[in-house]
PDB file of N, CA and C in Angstrom:
ATOM      1  N   MET A   1       9.999  25.562  -3.887  1.00  0.00           N
ATOM      2  CA  MET A   1      10.356  24.244  -4.498  1.00  0.00           C
ATOM      3  C   MET A   1       9.392  23.281  -3.894  1.00  0.00           C
ATOM      4  N   SER A   2       8.823  22.438  -4.822  1.00  0.00           N
ATOM      5  CA  SER A   2       7.660  21.450  -4.226  1.00  0.00           C
ATOM      6  C   SER A   2       8.208  19.941  -4.306  1.00  0.00           C
ATOM      7  N   GLU A   3       7.911  19.252  -3.588  1.00  0.00           N
ATOM      8  CA  GLU A   3       8.529  17.857  -3.331  1.00  0.00           C
ATOM      9  C   GLU A   3       7.915  16.975  -4.582  1.00  0.00           C
ATOM     10  N   ASP A   4       8.769  16.174  -4.741  1.00  0.00           N
ATOM     11  CA  ASP A   4       8.627  15.150  -5.826  1.00  0.00           C
ATOM     12  C   ASP A   4       7.360  14.169  -5.278  1.00  0.00           C
ATOM     13  N   ILE A   5       6.284  14.014  -5.917  1.00  0.00           N
ATOM     14  CA  ILE A   5       5.092  13.039  -5.836  1.00  0.00           C
ATOM     15  C   ILE A   5       5.381  11.846  -6.309  1.00  0.00           C
ATOM     16  N   THR A   6       5.004  10.975  -5.824  1.00  0.00           N
ATOM     17  CA  THR A   6       5.328   9.507  -6.661  1.00  0.00           C
ATOM     18  C   THR A   6       3.620   8.679  -6.579  1.00  0.00           C
ATOM     19  N   SER A   7       3.308   8.196  -7.442  1.00  0.00           N
ATOM     20  CA  SER A   7       2.198   7.237  -7.452  1.00  0.00           C
ATOM     21  C   SER A   7       2.373   5.990  -7.702  1.00  0.00           C
ATOM     22  N   LEU A   8       2.311   5.047  -6.844  1.00  0.00           N
ATOM     23  CA  LEU A   8       2.733   3.602  -7.319  1.00  0.00           C
ATOM     24  C   LEU A   8       1.463   2.574  -6.992  1.00  0.00           C
ATOM     25  N   ARG A   9       1.366   1.634  -7.640  1.00  0.00           N
ATOM     26  CA  ARG A   9       0.627   0.346  -7.514  1.00  0.00           C
ATOM     27  C   ARG A   9       1.451  -0.511  -6.863  1.00  0.00           C
ATOM     28  N   VAL A  10       1.236  -0.963  -5.673  1.00  0.00           N
ATOM     29  CA  VAL A  10       2.011  -2.089  -5.274  1.00  0.00           C
ATOM     30  C   VAL A  10       0.981  -3.144  -4.709  1.00  0.00           C
ATOM     31  N   HIS A  11       1.837  -4.351  -5.278  1.00  0.00           N
ATOM     32  CA  HIS A  11       0.788  -5.738  -5.398  1.00  0.00           C
ATOM     33  C   HIS A  11       1.928  -6.561  -4.238  1.00  0.00           C
ATOM     34  N   VAL A  12       1.390  -6.912  -3.280  1.00  0.00           N
ATOM     35  CA  VAL A  12       2.042  -7.780  -2.342  1.00  0.00           C
ATOM     36  C   VAL A  12       1.722  -9.188  -2.229  1.00  0.00           C
ATOM     37  N   HIS A  13       2.737 -10.136  -2.333  1.00  0.00           N
ATOM     38  CA  HIS A  13       2.253 -11.552  -2.563  1.00  0.00           C
ATOM     39  C   HIS A  13       2.515 -12.363  -1.361  1.00  0.00           C
ATOM     40  N   GLY A  14       2.274 -13.688  -0.645  1.00  0.00           N
ATOM     41  CA  GLY A  14       2.809 -14.265   0.258  1.00  0.00           C
ATOM     42  C   GLY A  14       1.478 -14.365   1.049  1.00  0.00           C
ATOM     43  N   ILE A  15       1.704 -14.841   2.639  1.00  0.00           N
ATOM     44  CA  ILE A  15       0.821 -14.948   3.377  1.00  0.00           C
ATOM     45  C   ILE A  15       0.722 -13.484   3.726  1.00  0.00           C
ATOM     46  N   VAL A  16      -0.596 -12.943   3.473  1.00  0.00           N
ATOM     47  CA  VAL A  16      -0.843 -11.392   3.601  1.00  0.00           C
ATOM     48  C   VAL A  16      -2.414 -11.107   3.886  1.00  0.00           C
ATOM     49  N   GLN A  17      -3.194 -12.178   4.051  1.00  0.00           N
ATOM     50  CA  GLN A  17      -4.740 -11.973   3.989  1.00  0.00           C
ATOM     51  C   GLN A  17      -5.084 -12.767   5.433  1.00  0.00           C
ATOM     52  N   GLY A  18      -5.626 -12.061   6.133  1.00  0.00           N
ATOM     53  CA  GLY A  18      -6.388 -12.608   7.462  1.00  0.00           C
ATOM     54  C   GLY A  18      -5.478 -12.161   8.477  1.00  0.00           C
ATOM     55  N   ILE A  19      -4.372 -11.363   8.478  1.00  0.00           N
ATOM     56  CA  ILE A  19      -3.623 -11.032   9.514  1.00  0.00           C
ATOM     57  C   ILE A  19      -3.714  -9.501   9.838  1.00  0.00           C
ATOM     58  N   GLY A  20      -4.368  -8.679   9.318  1.00  0.00           N
ATOM     59  CA  GLY A  20      -4.327  -7.444   9.419  1.00  0.00           C
ATOM     60  C   GLY A  20      -3.066  -6.773   8.516  1.00  0.00           C
ATOM     61  N   PHE A  21      -3.232  -7.247   7.604  1.00  0.00           N
ATOM     62  CA  PHE A  21      -2.160  -6.368   6.671  1.00  0.00           C
ATOM     63  C   PHE A  21      -2.944  -5.220   6.168  1.00  0.00           C
ATOM     64  N   ARG A  22      -4.236  -5.291   5.744  1.00  0.00           N
ATOM     65  CA  ARG A  22      -4.719  -4.119   5.135  1.00  0.00           C
ATOM     66  C   ARG A  22      -4.750  -2.940   6.312  1.00  0.00           C
ATOM     67  N   ASP A  23      -5.039  -3.120   7.480  1.00  0.00           N
ATOM     68  CA  ASP A  23      -5.028  -2.224   8.543  1.00  0.00           C
ATOM     69  C   ASP A  23      -3.638  -1.782   8.762  1.00  0.00           C
ATOM     70  N   PHE A  24      -2.722  -2.585   8.687  1.00  0.00           N
ATOM     71  CA  PHE A  24      -1.028  -2.217   8.932  1.00  0.00           C
ATOM     72  C   PHE A  24      -0.907  -1.283   7.740  1.00  0.00           C
ATOM     73  N   LEU A  25      -1.259  -1.761   6.509  1.00  0.00           N
ATOM     74  CA  LEU A  25      -1.384  -0.577   5.566  1.00  0.00           C
ATOM     75  C   LEU A  25      -1.660   0.783   5.706  1.00  0.00           C
ATOM     76  N   THR A  26      -2.965   0.560   6.125  1.00  0.00           N
ATOM     77  CA  THR A  26      -3.930   1.628   6.026  1.00  0.00           C
ATOM     78  C   THR A  26      -3.267   2.522   7.112  1.00  0.00           C
ATOM     79  N   ALA A  27      -2.623   2.124   8.270  1.00  0.00           N
ATOM     80  CA  ALA A  27      -2.206   2.923   9.433  1.00  0.00           C
ATOM     81  C   ALA A  27      -0.997   3.662   8.898  1.00  0.00           C
ATOM     82  N   ALA A  28      -0.144   2.967   8.100  1.00  0.00           N
ATOM     83  CA  ALA A  28       1.302   3.298   7.643  1.00  0.00           C
ATOM     84  C   ALA A  28       1.215   4.458   6.822  1.00  0.00           C
ATOM     85  N   ALA A  29       0.047   4.367   6.031  1.00  0.00           N
ATOM     86  CA  ALA A  29      -0.149   5.407   4.776  1.00  0.00           C
ATOM     87  C   ALA A  29      -0.854   6.717   5.401  1.00  0.00           C
ATOM     88  N   GLN A  30      -1.719   6.467   6.489  1.00  0.00           N
ATOM     89  CA  GLN A  30      -2.394   7.386   7.090  1.00  0.00           C
ATOM     90  C   GLN A  30      -1.249   8.405   7.841  1.00  0.00           C
ATOM     91  N   HIS A  31      -0.379   7.466   8.407  1.00  0.00           N
ATOM     92  CA  HIS A  31       0.797   8.266   9.247  1.00  0.00           C
ATOM     93  C   HIS A  31       1.694   9.152   8.209  1.00  0.00           C
ATOM     94  N   GLN A  32       2.078   8.805   7.169  1.00  0.00           N
ATOM     95  CA  GLN A  32       2.739   9.306   6.178  1.00  0.00           C
ATOM     96  C   GLN A  32       1.843  10.496   5.349  1.00  0.00           C
ATOM     97  N   LYS A  33       0.730  10.322   5.450  1.00  0.00           N
ATOM     98  CA  LYS A  33      -0.433  11.557   5.224  1.00  0.00           C
ATOM     99  C   LYS A  33      -0.216  11.240   3.560  1.00  0.00           C
ATOM    100  N   LEU A  34      -0.483   9.888   3.244  1.00  0.00           N
ATOM    101  CA  LEU A  34      -0.621   9.678   1.799  1.00  0.00           C
ATOM    102  C   LEU A  34      -1.922   9.386   1.317  1.00  0.00           C
ATOM    103  N   ASP A  35      -2.140   9.344  -0.069  1.00  0.00           N
ATOM    104  CA  ASP A  35      -3.403   9.201  -0.586  1.00  0.00           C
ATOM    105  C   ASP A  35      -3.382   8.032  -1.245  1.00  0.00           C
ATOM    106  N   GLY A  36      -4.536   7.242  -1.146  1.00  0.00           N
ATOM    107  CA  GLY A  36      -4.975   5.994  -2.152  1.00  0.00           C
ATOM    108  C   GLY A  36      -5.791   4.884  -1.549  1.00  0.00           C
ATOM    109  N   TRP A  37      -5.432   3.687  -1.617  1.00  0.00           N
ATOM    110  CA  TRP A  37      -6.429   2.703  -1.253  1.00  0.00           C
ATOM    111  C   TRP A  37      -5.696   1.410  -1.076  1.00  0.00           C
ATOM    112  N   VAL A  38      -6.408   0.326  -0.155  1.00  0.00           N
ATOM    113  CA  VAL A  38      -5.595  -0.953  -0.250  1.00  0.00           C
ATOM    114  C   VAL A  38      -6.761  -1.951  -0.260  1.00  0.00           C
ATOM    115  N   ARG A  39      -6.664  -3.132  -0.929  1.00  0.00           N
ATOM    116  CA  ARG A  39      -7.713  -4.082  -0.707  1.00  0.00           C
ATOM    117  C   ARG A  39      -7.067  -5.375  -1.144  1.00  0.00           C
ATOM    118  N   ASN A  40      -7.940  -6.494  -0.627  1.00  0.00           N
ATOM    119  CA  ASN A  40      -7.333  -7.953  -0.831  1.00  0.00           C
ATOM    120  C   ASN A  40      -7.971  -8.322  -2.170  1.00  0.00           C
ATOM    121  N   ARG A  41      -7.545  -9.345  -2.799  1.00  0.00           N
ATOM    122  CA  ARG A  41      -7.527  -9.709  -4.155  1.00  0.00           C
ATOM    123  C   ARG A  41      -7.682 -11.054  -3.939  1.00  0.00           C
ATOM    124  N   ALA A  42      -8.674 -11.923  -4.978  1.00  0.00           N
ATOM    125  CA  ALA A  42      -9.382 -13.034  -4.780  1.00  0.00           C
ATOM    126  C   ALA A  42      -8.087 -14.060  -4.907  1.00  0.00           C
ATOM    127  N   ASP A  43      -6.898 -13.834  -5.540  1.00  0.00           N
ATOM    128  CA  ASP A  43      -5.889 -14.704  -5.538  1.00  0.00           C
ATOM    129  C   ASP A  43      -4.996 -14.546  -4.362  1.00  0.00           C
ATOM    130  N   GLY A  44      -5.571 -14.176  -3.345  1.00  0.00           N
ATOM    131  CA  GLY A  44      -4.312 -14.004  -1.840  1.00  0.00           C
ATOM    132  C   GLY A  44      -3.794 -12.830  -1.568  1.00  0.00           C
ATOM    133  N   SER A  45      -3.379 -12.120  -2.726  1.00  0.00           N
ATOM    134  CA  SER A  45      -2.533 -11.050  -2.406  1.00  0.00           C
ATOM    135  C   SER A  45      -3.070  -9.896  -2.147  1.00  0.00           C
ATOM    136  N   VAL A  46      -2.485  -8.965  -1.590  1.00  0.00           N
ATOM    137  CA  VAL A  46      -2.970  -7.392  -1.178  1.00  0.00           C
ATOM    138  C   VAL A  46      -2.224  -6.516  -2.403  1.00  0.00           C
ATOM    139  N   GLU A  47      -3.369  -5.712  -2.648  1.00  0.00           N
ATOM    140  CA  GLU A  47      -3.093  -4.647  -3.647  1.00  0.00           C
ATOM    141  C   GLU A  47      -3.274  -3.131  -3.340  1.00  0.00           C
ATOM    142  N   ALA A  48      -2.383  -2.365  -3.264  1.00  0.00           N
ATOM    143  CA  ALA A  48      -2.709  -0.829  -2.710  1.00  0.00           C
ATOM    144  C   ALA A  48      -2.277   0.165  -3.987  1.00  0.00           C
ATOM    145  N   LEU A  49      -2.951   1.154  -4.072  1.00  0.00           N
ATOM    146  CA  LEU A  49      -2.629   2.388  -4.653  1.00  0.00           C
ATOM    147  C   LEU A  49      -2.005   3.618  -3.905  1.00  0.00           C
ATOM    148  N   VAL A  50      -1.074   3.933  -3.947  1.00  0.00           N
ATOM    149  CA  VAL A  50      -0.301   4.951  -2.904  1.00  0.00           C
ATOM    150  C   VAL A  50       0.163   5.951  -3.835  1.00  0.00           C
ATOM    151  N   CYS A  51       0.105   7.251  -3.128  1.00  0.00           N
ATOM    152  CA  CYS A  51       0.517   8.398  -3.775  1.00  0.00           C
ATOM    153  C   CYS A  51       0.972   9.447  -2.604  1.00  0.00           C
ATOM    154  N   GLY A  52       1.985  10.316  -3.016  1.00  0.00           N
ATOM    155  CA  GLY A  52       2.468  11.049  -2.099  1.00  0.00           C
ATOM    156  C   GLY A  52       3.846  11.572  -2.184  1.00  0.00           C
ATOM    157  N   PRO A  53       4.468  12.489  -1.183  1.00  0.00           N
ATOM    158  CA  PRO A  53       6.093  12.751  -1.487  1.00  0.00           C
ATOM    159  C   PRO A  53       7.070  11.461  -1.631  1.00  0.00           C
ATOM    160  N   THR A  54       7.715  11.374  -2.535  1.00  0.00           N
ATOM    161  CA  THR A  54       8.370  10.347  -2.958  1.00  0.00           C
ATOM    162  C   THR A  54       9.011   9.464  -1.609  1.00  0.00           C
ATOM    163  N   LYS A  55       9.822  10.089  -0.843  1.00  0.00           N
ATOM    164  CA  LYS A  55      10.155   9.720   0.342  1.00  0.00           C
ATOM    165  C   LYS A  55       9.321   8.719   1.170  1.00  0.00           C
ATOM    166  N   ALA A  56       7.781   9.425   1.331  1.00  0.00           N
ATOM    167  CA  ALA A  56       6.858   8.713   1.986  1.00  0.00           C
ATOM    168  C   ALA A  56       6.392   7.341   1.363  1.00  0.00           C
ATOM    169  N   VAL A  57       6.252   7.590   0.110  1.00  0.00           N
ATOM    170  CA  VAL A  57       6.020   6.321  -0.642  1.00  0.00           C
ATOM    171  C   VAL A  57       6.998   5.320  -0.388  1.00  0.00           C
ATOM    172  N   GLU A  58       8.417   5.648  -0.189  1.00  0.00           N
ATOM    173  CA  GLU A  58       9.277   4.937  -0.159  1.00  0.00           C
ATOM    174  C   GLU A  58       9.000   4.205   0.985  1.00  0.00           C
ATOM    175  N   ASN A  59       8.955   5.042   1.974  1.00  0.00           N
ATOM    176  CA  ASN A  59       8.576   4.221   3.581  1.00  0.00           C
ATOM    177  C   ASN A  59       7.547   3.295   3.617  1.00  0.00           C
ATOM    178  N   PHE A  60       6.357   3.642   2.953  1.00  0.00           N
ATOM    179  CA  PHE A  60       5.204   2.768   2.732  1.00  0.00           C
ATOM    180  C   PHE A  60       5.522   1.468   1.978  1.00  0.00           C
ATOM    181  N   VAL A  61       6.276   1.418   0.998  1.00  0.00           N
ATOM    182  CA  VAL A  61       6.857   0.354   0.466  1.00  0.00           C
ATOM    183  C   VAL A  61       7.822  -0.698   1.386  1.00  0.00           C
ATOM    184  N   SER A  62       8.603   0.198   2.324  1.00  0.00           N
ATOM    185  CA  SER A  62       9.368  -0.645   3.156  1.00  0.00           C
ATOM    186  C   SER A  62       8.320  -1.170   4.115  1.00  0.00           C
ATOM    187  N   PHE A  63       7.242  -0.611   4.619  1.00  0.00           N
ATOM    188  CA  PHE A  63       6.373  -1.114   5.413  1.00  0.00           C
ATOM    189  C   PHE A  63       5.708  -2.537   4.566  1.00  0.00           C
ATOM    190  N   ALA A  64       5.350  -2.275   3.232  1.00  0.00           N
ATOM    191  CA  ALA A  64       4.785  -3.514   2.726  1.00  0.00           C
ATOM    192  C   ALA A  64       5.469  -4.642   2.411  1.00  0.00           C
ATOM    193  N   THR A  65       6.689  -4.264   2.366  1.00  0.00           N
ATOM    194  CA  THR A  65       7.786  -5.838   2.321  1.00  0.00           C
ATOM    195  C   THR A  65       7.987  -6.216   3.782  1.00  0.00           C
ATOM    196  N   GLN A  66       7.440  -5.719   4.624  1.00  0.00           N
ATOM    197  CA  GLN A  66       7.778  -6.318   5.860  1.00  0.00           C
ATOM    198  C   GLN A  66       6.279  -6.931   6.516  1.00  0.00           C
ATOM    199  N   GLY A  67       5.273  -6.181   6.543  1.00  0.00           N
ATOM    200  CA  GLY A  67       4.002  -6.517   6.994  1.00  0.00           C
ATOM    201  C   GLY A  67       3.891  -6.621   8.428  1.00  0.00           C
ATOM    202  N   PRO A  68       2.782  -6.720   9.078  1.00  0.00           N
ATOM    203  CA  PRO A  68       2.453  -7.044  10.297  1.00  0.00           C
ATOM    204  C   PRO A  68       2.967  -8.315  10.884  1.00  0.00           C
ATOM    205  N   ALA A  69       3.015  -8.532  11.992  1.00  0.00           N
ATOM    206  CA  ALA A  69       3.210  -9.721  12.651  1.00  0.00           C
ATOM    207  C   ALA A  69       2.688 -10.876  12.088  1.00  0.00           C
ATOM    208  N   GLY A  70       2.970 -12.156  11.681  1.00  0.00           N
ATOM    209  CA  GLY A  70       2.187 -12.837  11.064  1.00  0.00           C
ATOM    210  C   GLY A  70       2.311 -13.034   9.529  1.00  0.00           C
ATOM    211  N   ALA A  71       2.786 -12.219   9.125  1.00  0.00           N
ATOM    212  CA  ALA A  71       2.836 -11.915   7.580  1.00  0.00           C
ATOM    213  C   ALA A  71       3.890 -12.547   7.112  1.00  0.00           C
ATOM    214  N   LYS A  72       3.895 -13.108   5.912  1.00  0.00           N
ATOM    215  CA  LYS A  72       5.251 -13.802   5.137  1.00  0.00           C
ATOM    216  C   LYS A  72       5.579 -13.275   3.810  1.00  0.00           C
ATOM    217  N   VAL A  73       5.903 -12.214   3.521  1.00  0.00           N
ATOM    218  CA  VAL A  73       5.616 -11.204   2.238  1.00  0.00           C
ATOM    219  C   VAL A  73       6.926 -12.321   1.585  1.00  0.00           C
ATOM    220  N   SER A  74       6.366 -12.759   0.147  1.00  0.00           N
ATOM    221  CA  SER A  74       7.226 -13.512  -0.754  1.00  0.00           C
ATOM    222  C   SER A  74       7.741 -12.315  -1.828  1.00  0.00           C
ATOM    223  N   ALA A  75       6.749 -11.521  -2.362  1.00  0.00           N
ATOM    224  CA  ALA A  75       7.216 -10.606  -3.257  1.00  0.00           C
ATOM    225  C   ALA A  75       6.454  -9.328  -3.294  1.00  0.00           C
ATOM    226  N   VAL A  76       6.893  -8.113  -3.617  1.00  0.00           N
ATOM    227  CA  VAL A  76       6.208  -6.909  -3.731  1.00  0.00           C
ATOM    228  C   VAL A  76       6.491  -6.353  -5.091  1.00  0.00           C
ATOM    229  N   ASP A  77       5.309  -6.331  -6.193  1.00  0.00           N
ATOM    230  CA  ASP A  77       5.553  -5.715  -7.212  1.00  0.00           C
ATOM    231  C   ASP A  77       4.921  -4.214  -7.236  1.00  0.00           C
ATOM    232  N   LEU A  78       5.778  -3.499  -7.942  1.00  0.00           N
ATOM    233  CA  LEU A  78       5.829  -2.141  -7.723  1.00  0.00           C
ATOM    234  C   LEU A  78       5.473  -1.647  -9.249  1.00  0.00           C
ATOM    235  N   HIS A  79       4.550  -0.872  -9.611  1.00  0.00           N
ATOM    236  CA  HIS A  79       4.085  -0.332 -10.678  1.00  0.00           C
ATOM    237  C   HIS A  79       3.875   1.197 -11.094  1.00  0.00           C
ATOM    238  N   ASN A  80       4.422   1.930 -11.594  1.00  0.00           N
ATOM    239  CA  ASN A  80       4.004   3.558 -11.750  1.00  0.00           C
ATOM    240  C   ASN A  80       2.352   3.505 -12.146  1.00  0.00           C
ATOM    241  N   SER A  81       1.641   4.421 -11.424  1.00  0.00           N
ATOM    242  CA  SER A  81       0.330   4.547 -11.622  1.00  0.00           C
ATOM    243  C   SER A  81       0.066   6.032 -11.832  1.00  0.00           C
ATOM    244  N   GLU A  82      -1.228   6.332 -11.898  1.00  0.00           N
ATOM    245  CA  GLU A  82      -2.011   7.332 -12.184  1.00  0.00           C
ATOM    246  C   GLU A  82      -2.300   7.762 -10.335  1.00  0.00           C
ATOM    247  N   PRO A  83      -2.508   8.927 -10.125  1.00  0.00           N
ATOM    248  CA  PRO A  83      -2.827   8.985  -8.715  1.00  0.00           C
ATOM    249  C   PRO A  83      -4.118   8.928  -8.524  1.00  0.00           C
ATOM    250  N   PRO A  84      -4.642   8.548  -7.258  1.00  0.00           N
ATOM    251  CA  PRO A  84      -6.162   8.395  -6.747  1.00  0.00           C
ATOM    252  C   PRO A  84      -6.990   9.529  -7.031  1.00  0.00           C
ATOM    253  N   ALA A  85      -8.137   9.189  -7.292  1.00  0.00           N
ATOM    254  CA  ALA A  85      -9.061  10.705  -7.650  1.00  0.00           C
ATOM    255  C   ALA A  85      -9.243  11.278  -6.434  1.00  0.00           C
ATOM    256  N   GLU A  86      -9.470  10.519  -5.242  1.00  0.00           N
ATOM    257  CA  GLU A  86      -9.822  10.894  -3.918  1.00  0.00           C
ATOM    258  C   GLU A  86      -8.463  11.226  -2.873  1.00  0.00           C
ATOM    259  N   LYS A  87      -8.531  12.181  -2.114  1.00  0.00           N
ATOM    260  CA  LYS A  87      -7.862  12.368  -1.114  1.00  0.00           C
ATOM    261  C   LYS A  87      -7.854  11.542   0.018  1.00  0.00           C
ATOM    262  N   GLY A  88      -6.784  11.106   0.758  1.00  0.00           N
ATOM    263  CA  GLY A  88      -7.045  10.169   2.217  1.00  0.00           C
ATOM    264  C   GLY A  88      -6.583   8.662   1.454  1.00  0.00           C
ATOM    265  N   PHE A  89      -6.822   8.097   2.394  1.00  0.00           N
ATOM    266  CA  PHE A  89      -6.039   6.706   2.315  1.00  0.00           C
ATOM    267  C   PHE A  89      -7.442   5.809   3.008  1.00  0.00           C
ATOM    268  N   ILE A  90      -8.044   4.709   2.201  1.00  0.00           N
ATOM    269  CA  ILE A  90      -9.126   4.018   2.677  1.00  0.00           C
ATOM    270  C   ILE A  90      -9.101   2.827   2.201  1.00  0.00           C
ATOM    271  N   ARG A  91      -9.708   1.612   2.752  1.00  0.00           N
ATOM    272  CA  ARG A  91      -9.682   0.025   2.720  1.00  0.00           C
ATOM    273  C   ARG A  91     -11.148   0.278   1.497  1.00  0.00           C
ATOM    274  N   ARG A  92     -10.605  -0.412   0.374  1.00  0.00           N
ATOM    275  CA  ARG A  92     -11.331  -0.680  -0.523  1.00  0.00           C
ATOM    276  C   ARG A  92     -12.016  -2.187  -0.396  1.00  0.00           C
ATOM    277  N   PRO A  93     -13.216  -2.432  -0.800  1.00  0.00           N
ATOM    278  CA  PRO A  93     -13.736  -3.980  -0.833  1.00  0.00           C
ATOM    279  C   PRO A  93     -12.765  -4.827  -1.610  1.00  0.00           C
ATOM    280  N   SER A  94     -12.958  -6.043  -1.069  1.00  0.00           N
ATOM    281  CA  SER A  94     -11.954  -7.285  -1.529  1.00  0.00           C
ATOM    282  C   SER A  94     -12.461  -7.226  -3.262  1.00  0.00           C
ATOM    283  N   LEU A  95     -11.594  -7.648  -4.342  1.00  0.00           N
ATOM    284  CA  LEU A  95     -11.782  -8.089  -5.468  1.00  0.00           C
ATOM    285  C   LEU A  95     -11.406  -9.347  -5.694  1.00  0.00           C
TER     286      LEU A  95
END
């Protein structure tokens, strides 16, 4: 029996840029062995695509709602998404 796989687009709003938020999420995703990416957006938010076992994705979302020291997360939007084309978790250029 295989584990349930979840693929989510995670959009984090608040004070989430310039404080290591992407590195924080990258470390969380790599620790959970998730696939996907993270990037800053021009509107000051951070966006990620994350894919893996449902429980691990839920853990990632919980990290995203907290953030690193200095972060003030005001909202996290979650949307089902197609899984990423590549394996592993990377930082993408800002958009």
